């Protein structure tokens, strides 16, 4: 899904049909669902990249050093 949207630079109005990762069944995702998935993916990526800020705010000053 991410690759399709990145390559096409759009989310199709009719959504996408994707394969279920366990059963292989076709699963239809609406445009709105795809938007929600992409938003959560980007938010999760950024949270993982910048989680050290929460540590610093909690007083863990060594959060920037391994």
PDB file of N, CA and C in Angstrom:
ATOM      1  N   UNK A   1       0.817  -1.172   0.000  1.00  0.00           N
ATOM      2  CA  UNK A   1       0.000   0.000   0.000  1.00  0.00           C
ATOM      3  C   UNK A   1       0.876   1.256   0.000  1.00  0.00           C
ATOM      4  N   UNK A   2       1.869   1.295   0.897  1.00  0.00           N
ATOM      5  CA  UNK A   2       2.728   2.466   0.952  1.00  0.00           C
ATOM      6  C   UNK A   2       3.470   2.670  -0.367  1.00  0.00           C
ATOM      7  N   UNK A   3       3.961   1.572  -0.940  1.00  0.00           N
ATOM      8  CA  UNK A   3       4.683   1.669  -2.206  1.00  0.00           C
ATOM      9  C   UNK A   3       3.784   2.186  -3.318  1.00  0.00           C
ATOM     10  N   UNK A   4       2.557   1.676  -3.388  1.00  0.00           N
ATOM     11  CA  UNK A   4       1.637   2.118  -4.429  1.00  0.00           C
ATOM     12  C   UNK A   4       1.389   3.615  -4.322  1.00  0.00           C
ATOM     13  N   UNK A   5       1.074   4.072  -3.124  1.00  0.00           N
ATOM     14  CA  UNK A   5       0.769   5.495  -2.928  1.00  0.00           C
ATOM     15  C   UNK A   5       2.006   6.351  -3.203  1.00  0.00           C
ATOM     16  N   UNK A   6       3.170   5.891  -2.772  1.00  0.00           N
ATOM     17  CA  UNK A   6       4.399   6.644  -3.022  1.00  0.00           C
ATOM     18  C   UNK A   6       4.701   6.727  -4.517  1.00  0.00           C
ATOM     19  N   UNK A   7       4.510   5.629  -5.232  1.00  0.00           N
ATOM     20  CA  UNK A   7       4.800   5.625  -6.675  1.00  0.00           C
ATOM     21  C   UNK A   7       3.772   6.393  -7.480  1.00  0.00           C
ATOM     22  N   UNK A   8       2.508   6.253  -7.130  1.00  0.00           N
ATOM     23  CA  UNK A   8       1.430   6.895  -7.886  1.00  0.00           C
ATOM     24  C   UNK A   8       1.137   8.319  -7.421  1.00  0.00           C
ATOM     25  N   UNK A   9       1.606   8.661  -6.219  1.00  0.00           N
ATOM     26  CA  UNK A   9       1.362   9.975  -5.629  1.00  0.00           C
ATOM     27  C   UNK A   9      -0.130  10.280  -5.454  1.00  0.00           C
ATOM     28  N   UNK A  10      -0.907   9.228  -5.189  1.00  0.00           N
ATOM     29  CA  UNK A  10      -2.346   9.394  -4.977  1.00  0.00           C
ATOM     30  C   UNK A  10      -2.912   8.129  -4.345  1.00  0.00           C
ATOM     31  N   UNK A  11      -4.092   8.281  -3.766  1.00  0.00           N
ATOM     32  CA  UNK A  11      -4.850   7.138  -3.275  1.00  0.00           C
ATOM     33  C   UNK A  11      -6.072   7.025  -4.186  1.00  0.00           C
ATOM     34  N   UNK A  12      -6.289   5.891  -4.841  1.00  0.00           N
ATOM     35  CA  UNK A  12      -7.406   5.763  -5.762  1.00  0.00           C
ATOM     36  C   UNK A  12      -8.745   6.016  -5.071  1.00  0.00           C
ATOM     37  N   UNK A  13      -9.655   6.683  -5.758  1.00  0.00           N
ATOM     38  CA  UNK A  13     -10.969   7.004  -5.202  1.00  0.00           C
ATOM     39  C   UNK A  13     -11.713   5.748  -4.758  1.00  0.00           C
ATOM     40  N   UNK A  14     -11.536   4.658  -5.464  1.00  0.00           N
ATOM     41  CA  UNK A  14     -12.215   3.410  -5.131  1.00  0.00           C
ATOM     42  C   UNK A  14     -11.480   2.560  -4.111  1.00  0.00           C
ATOM     43  N   UNK A  15     -10.378   3.072  -3.595  1.00  0.00           N
ATOM     44  CA  UNK A  15      -9.591   2.298  -2.636  1.00  0.00           C
ATOM     45  C   UNK A  15      -8.676   1.308  -3.334  1.00  0.00           C
ATOM     46  N   UNK A  16      -8.228   0.321  -2.582  1.00  0.00           N
ATOM     47  CA  UNK A  16      -7.336  -0.706  -3.118  1.00  0.00           C
ATOM     48  C   UNK A  16      -7.768  -2.080  -2.629  1.00  0.00           C
ATOM     49  N   UNK A  17      -7.465  -3.081  -3.413  1.00  0.00           N
ATOM     50  CA  UNK A  17      -7.663  -4.461  -2.979  1.00  0.00           C
ATOM     51  C   UNK A  17      -6.283  -5.007  -2.648  1.00  0.00           C
ATOM     52  N   UNK A  18      -6.129  -5.421  -1.392  1.00  0.00           N
ATOM     53  CA  UNK A  18      -4.853  -5.925  -0.893  1.00  0.00           C
ATOM     54  C   UNK A  18      -5.016  -7.374  -0.464  1.00  0.00           C
ATOM     55  N   UNK A  19      -3.923  -8.071  -0.305  1.00  0.00           N
ATOM     56  CA  UNK A  19      -3.971  -9.464   0.137  1.00  0.00           C
ATOM     57  C   UNK A  19      -3.790  -9.548   1.641  1.00  0.00           C
ATOM     58  N   UNK A  20      -4.633 -10.354   2.277  1.00  0.00           N
ATOM     59  CA  UNK A  20      -4.504 -10.607   3.711  1.00  0.00           C
ATOM     60  C   UNK A  20      -3.204 -11.359   3.938  1.00  0.00           C
ATOM     61  N   UNK A  21      -2.405 -10.935   4.932  1.00  0.00           N
ATOM     62  CA  UNK A  21      -1.061 -11.517   5.098  1.00  0.00           C
ATOM     63  C   UNK A  21      -1.079 -12.957   5.578  1.00  0.00           C
ATOM     64  N   UNK A  22      -2.168 -13.402   6.196  1.00  0.00           N
ATOM     65  CA  UNK A  22      -2.208 -14.790   6.678  1.00  0.00           C
ATOM     66  C   UNK A  22      -2.990 -15.710   5.756  1.00  0.00           C
ATOM     67  N   UNK A  23      -4.133 -15.239   5.266  1.00  0.00           N
ATOM     68  CA  UNK A  23      -5.005 -16.123   4.492  1.00  0.00           C
ATOM     69  C   UNK A  23      -4.838 -15.974   2.989  1.00  0.00           C
ATOM     70  N   UNK A  24      -4.273 -14.844   2.557  1.00  0.00           N
ATOM     71  CA  UNK A  24      -4.134 -14.601   1.125  1.00  0.00           C
ATOM     72  C   UNK A  24      -5.410 -14.100   0.474  1.00  0.00           C
ATOM     73  N   UNK A  25      -6.467 -13.938   1.265  1.00  0.00           N
ATOM     74  CA  UNK A  25      -7.733 -13.436   0.720  1.00  0.00           C
ATOM     75  C   UNK A  25      -7.587 -11.992   0.273  1.00  0.00           C
ATOM     76  N   UNK A  26      -8.414 -11.608  -0.695  1.00  0.00           N
ATOM     77  CA  UNK A  26      -8.477 -10.214  -1.100  1.00  0.00           C
ATOM     78  C   UNK A  26      -9.243  -9.427  -0.038  1.00  0.00           C
ATOM     79  N   UNK A  27      -8.701  -8.264   0.318  1.00  0.00           N
ATOM     80  CA  UNK A  27      -9.339  -7.382   1.287  1.00  0.00           C
ATOM     81  C   UNK A  27      -9.447  -6.004   0.649  1.00  0.00           C
ATOM     82  N   UNK A  28     -10.675  -5.479   0.583  1.00  0.00           N
ATOM     83  CA  UNK A  28     -10.868  -4.144   0.019  1.00  0.00           C
ATOM     84  C   UNK A  28     -10.703  -3.106   1.119  1.00  0.00           C
ATOM     85  N   UNK A  29      -9.852  -2.119   0.879  1.00  0.00           N
ATOM     86  CA  UNK A  29      -9.668  -1.000   1.797  1.00  0.00           C
ATOM     87  C   UNK A  29     -10.125   0.267   1.086  1.00  0.00           C
ATOM     88  N   UNK A  30     -10.978   1.028   1.758  1.00  0.00           N
ATOM     89  CA  UNK A  30     -11.462   2.277   1.176  1.00  0.00           C
ATOM     90  C   UNK A  30     -10.360   3.327   1.182  1.00  0.00           C
ATOM     91  N   UNK A  31     -10.611   4.383   0.452  1.00  0.00           N
ATOM     92  CA  UNK A  31      -9.669   5.498   0.410  1.00  0.00           C
ATOM     93  C   UNK A  31      -9.437   6.064   1.821  1.00  0.00           C
ATOM     94  N   UNK A  32     -10.507   6.156   2.589  1.00  0.00           N
ATOM     95  CA  UNK A  32     -10.410   6.685   3.950  1.00  0.00           C
ATOM     96  C   UNK A  32      -9.586   5.762   4.848  1.00  0.00           C
ATOM     97  N   UNK A  33      -9.782   4.453   4.715  1.00  0.00           N
ATOM     98  CA  UNK A  33      -9.006   3.502   5.517  1.00  0.00           C
ATOM     99  C   UNK A  33      -7.525   3.572   5.166  1.00  0.00           C
ATOM    100  N   UNK A  34      -7.229   3.675   3.883  1.00  0.00           N
ATOM    101  CA  UNK A  34      -5.833   3.772   3.447  1.00  0.00           C
ATOM    102  C   UNK A  34      -5.201   5.043   4.004  1.00  0.00           C
ATOM    103  N   UNK A  35      -5.940   6.139   3.969  1.00  0.00           N
ATOM    104  CA  UNK A  35      -5.437   7.388   4.544  1.00  0.00           C
ATOM    105  C   UNK A  35      -5.128   7.241   6.024  1.00  0.00           C
ATOM    106  N   UNK A  36      -6.015   6.556   6.761  1.00  0.00           N
ATOM    107  CA  UNK A  36      -5.798   6.337   8.193  1.00  0.00           C
ATOM    108  C   UNK A  36      -4.570   5.453   8.429  1.00  0.00           C
ATOM    109  N   UNK A  37      -4.418   4.391   7.637  1.00  0.00           N
ATOM    110  CA  UNK A  37      -3.254   3.510   7.770  1.00  0.00           C
ATOM    111  C   UNK A  37      -1.954   4.280   7.513  1.00  0.00           C
ATOM    112  N   UNK A  38      -1.950   5.089   6.462  1.00  0.00           N
ATOM    113  CA  UNK A  38      -0.748   5.843   6.127  1.00  0.00           C
ATOM    114  C   UNK A  38      -0.416   6.873   7.204  1.00  0.00           C
ATOM    115  N   UNK A  39      -1.424   7.535   7.736  1.00  0.00           N
ATOM    116  CA  UNK A  39      -1.206   8.505   8.796  1.00  0.00           C
ATOM    117  C   UNK A  39      -0.606   7.833  10.033  1.00  0.00           C
ATOM    118  N   UNK A  40      -1.155   6.684  10.413  1.00  0.00           N
ATOM    119  CA  UNK A  40      -0.634   5.951  11.571  1.00  0.00           C
ATOM    120  C   UNK A  40       0.792   5.459  11.322  1.00  0.00           C
ATOM    121  N   UNK A  41       1.075   5.030  10.097  1.00  0.00           N
ATOM    122  CA  UNK A  41       2.418   4.556   9.752  1.00  0.00           C
ATOM    123  C   UNK A  41       3.434   5.676   9.892  1.00  0.00           C
ATOM    124  N   UNK A  42       3.109   6.850   9.364  1.00  0.00           N
ATOM    125  CA  UNK A  42       4.020   7.993   9.451  1.00  0.00           C
ATOM    126  C   UNK A  42       4.189   8.426  10.907  1.00  0.00           C
ATOM    127  N   UNK A  43       3.084   8.480  11.656  1.00  0.00           N
ATOM    128  CA  UNK A  43       3.161   8.874  13.064  1.00  0.00           C
ATOM    129  C   UNK A  43       4.010   7.891  13.865  1.00  0.00           C
ATOM    130  N   UNK A  44       3.843   6.601  13.621  1.00  0.00           N
ATOM    131  CA  UNK A  44       4.631   5.589  14.334  1.00  0.00           C
ATOM    132  C   UNK A  44       6.106   5.706  13.997  1.00  0.00           C
ATOM    133  N   UNK A  45       6.412   5.911  12.729  1.00  0.00           N
ATOM    134  CA  UNK A  45       7.806   6.057  12.306  1.00  0.00           C
ATOM    135  C   UNK A  45       8.457   7.239  13.023  1.00  0.00           C
ATOM    136  N   UNK A  46       7.762   8.351  13.037  1.00  0.00           N
ATOM    137  CA  UNK A  46       8.330   9.543  13.677  1.00  0.00           C
ATOM    138  C   UNK A  46       8.450   9.370  15.194  1.00  0.00           C
ATOM    139  N   UNK A  47       7.474   8.708  15.798  1.00  0.00           N
ATOM    140  CA  UNK A  47       7.552   8.468  17.241  1.00  0.00           C
ATOM    141  C   UNK A  47       8.764   7.602  17.582  1.00  0.00           C
ATOM    142  N   UNK A  48       9.027   6.598  16.759  1.00  0.00           N
ATOM    143  CA  UNK A  48      10.180   5.736  17.001  1.00  0.00           C
ATOM    144  C   UNK A  48      11.488   6.492  16.779  1.00  0.00           C
ATOM    145  N   UNK A  49      11.473   7.412  15.844  1.00  0.00           N
ATOM    146  CA  UNK A  49      12.682   8.169  15.547  1.00  0.00           C
ATOM    147  C   UNK A  49      12.993   9.222  16.594  1.00  0.00           C
ATOM    148  N   UNK A  50      11.964   9.748  17.235  1.00  0.00           N
ATOM    149  CA  UNK A  50      12.167  10.877  18.129  1.00  0.00           C
ATOM    150  C   UNK A  50      11.666  10.618  19.543  1.00  0.00           C
ATOM    151  N   UNK A  51      11.548   9.355  19.949  1.00  0.00           N
ATOM    152  CA  UNK A  51      11.082   9.014  21.281  1.00  0.00           C
ATOM    153  C   UNK A  51      12.005   9.495  22.388  1.00  0.00           C
ATOM    154  N   UNK A  52      13.236   9.797  22.043  1.00  0.00           N
ATOM    155  CA  UNK A  52      14.186  10.271  23.044  1.00  0.00           C
ATOM    156  C   UNK A  52      13.748  11.592  23.645  1.00  0.00           C
ATOM    157  N   UNK A  53      12.918  12.359  22.934  1.00  0.00           N
ATOM    158  CA  UNK A  53      12.442  13.628  23.477  1.00  0.00           C
ATOM    159  C   UNK A  53      11.603  13.404  24.729  1.00  0.00           C
ATOM    160  N   UNK A  54      10.785  12.368  24.715  1.00  0.00           N
ATOM    161  CA  UNK A  54       9.979  12.038  25.898  1.00  0.00           C
ATOM    162  C   UNK A  54      10.882  11.682  27.070  1.00  0.00           C
ATOM    163  N   UNK A  55      11.959  10.958  26.784  1.00  0.00           N
ATOM    164  CA  UNK A  55      12.903  10.588  27.841  1.00  0.00           C
ATOM    165  C   UNK A  55      13.565  11.827  28.440  1.00  0.00           C
ATOM    166  N   UNK A  56      13.946  12.758  27.581  1.00  0.00           N
ATOM    167  CA  UNK A  56      14.568  13.983  28.080  1.00  0.00           C
ATOM    168  C   UNK A  56      13.595  14.780  28.949  1.00  0.00           C
ATOM    169  N   UNK A  57      12.356  14.891  28.514  1.00  0.00           N
ATOM    170  CA  UNK A  57      11.351  15.628  29.273  1.00  0.00           C
ATOM    171  C   UNK A  57      11.077  14.970  30.611  1.00  0.00           C
ATOM    172  N   UNK A  58      11.269  13.661  30.713  1.00  0.00           N
ATOM    173  CA  UNK A  58      11.065  12.944  31.963  1.00  0.00           C
ATOM    174  C   UNK A  58      12.283  13.035  32.875  1.00  0.00           C
ATOM    175  N   UNK A  59      13.327  13.739  32.433  1.00  0.00           N
ATOM    176  CA  UNK A  59      14.503  13.934  33.269  1.00  0.00           C
ATOM    177  C   UNK A  59      15.621  12.944  33.039  1.00  0.00           C
ATOM    178  N   UNK A  60      15.508  12.115  32.041  1.00  0.00           N
ATOM    179  CA  UNK A  60      16.557  11.141  31.724  1.00  0.00           C
ATOM    180  C   UNK A  60      17.564  11.802  30.773  1.00  0.00           C
ATOM    181  N   UNK A  61      18.512  12.523  31.343  1.00  0.00           N
ATOM    182  CA  UNK A  61      19.405  13.336  30.533  1.00  0.00           C
ATOM    183  C   UNK A  61      20.378  12.525  29.682  1.00  0.00           C
ATOM    184  N   UNK A  62      20.546  11.255  29.984  1.00  0.00           N
ATOM    185  CA  UNK A  62      21.442  10.418  29.177  1.00  0.00           C
ATOM    186  C   UNK A  62      20.718   9.777  27.989  1.00  0.00           C
ATOM    187  N   UNK A  63      19.495  10.257  27.678  1.00  0.00           N
ATOM    188  CA  UNK A  63      18.704   9.683  26.592  1.00  0.00           C
ATOM    189  C   UNK A  63      19.378   9.855  25.229  1.00  0.00           C
ATOM    190  N   UNK A  64      20.252  10.844  25.115  1.00  0.00           N
ATOM    191  CA  UNK A  64      20.908  11.093  23.832  1.00  0.00           C
ATOM    192  C   UNK A  64      22.188  10.294  23.632  1.00  0.00           C
ATOM    193  N   UNK A  65      22.667   9.657  24.692  1.00  0.00           N
ATOM    194  CA  UNK A  65      23.908   8.900  24.604  1.00  0.00           C
ATOM    195  C   UNK A  65      23.633   7.420  24.771  1.00  0.00           C
ATOM    196  N   UNK A  66      24.273   6.596  23.972  1.00  0.00           N
ATOM    197  CA  UNK A  66      24.034   5.142  24.103  1.00  0.00           C
ATOM    198  C   UNK A  66      24.578   4.577  25.402  1.00  0.00           C
TER     199      UNK A  66
END
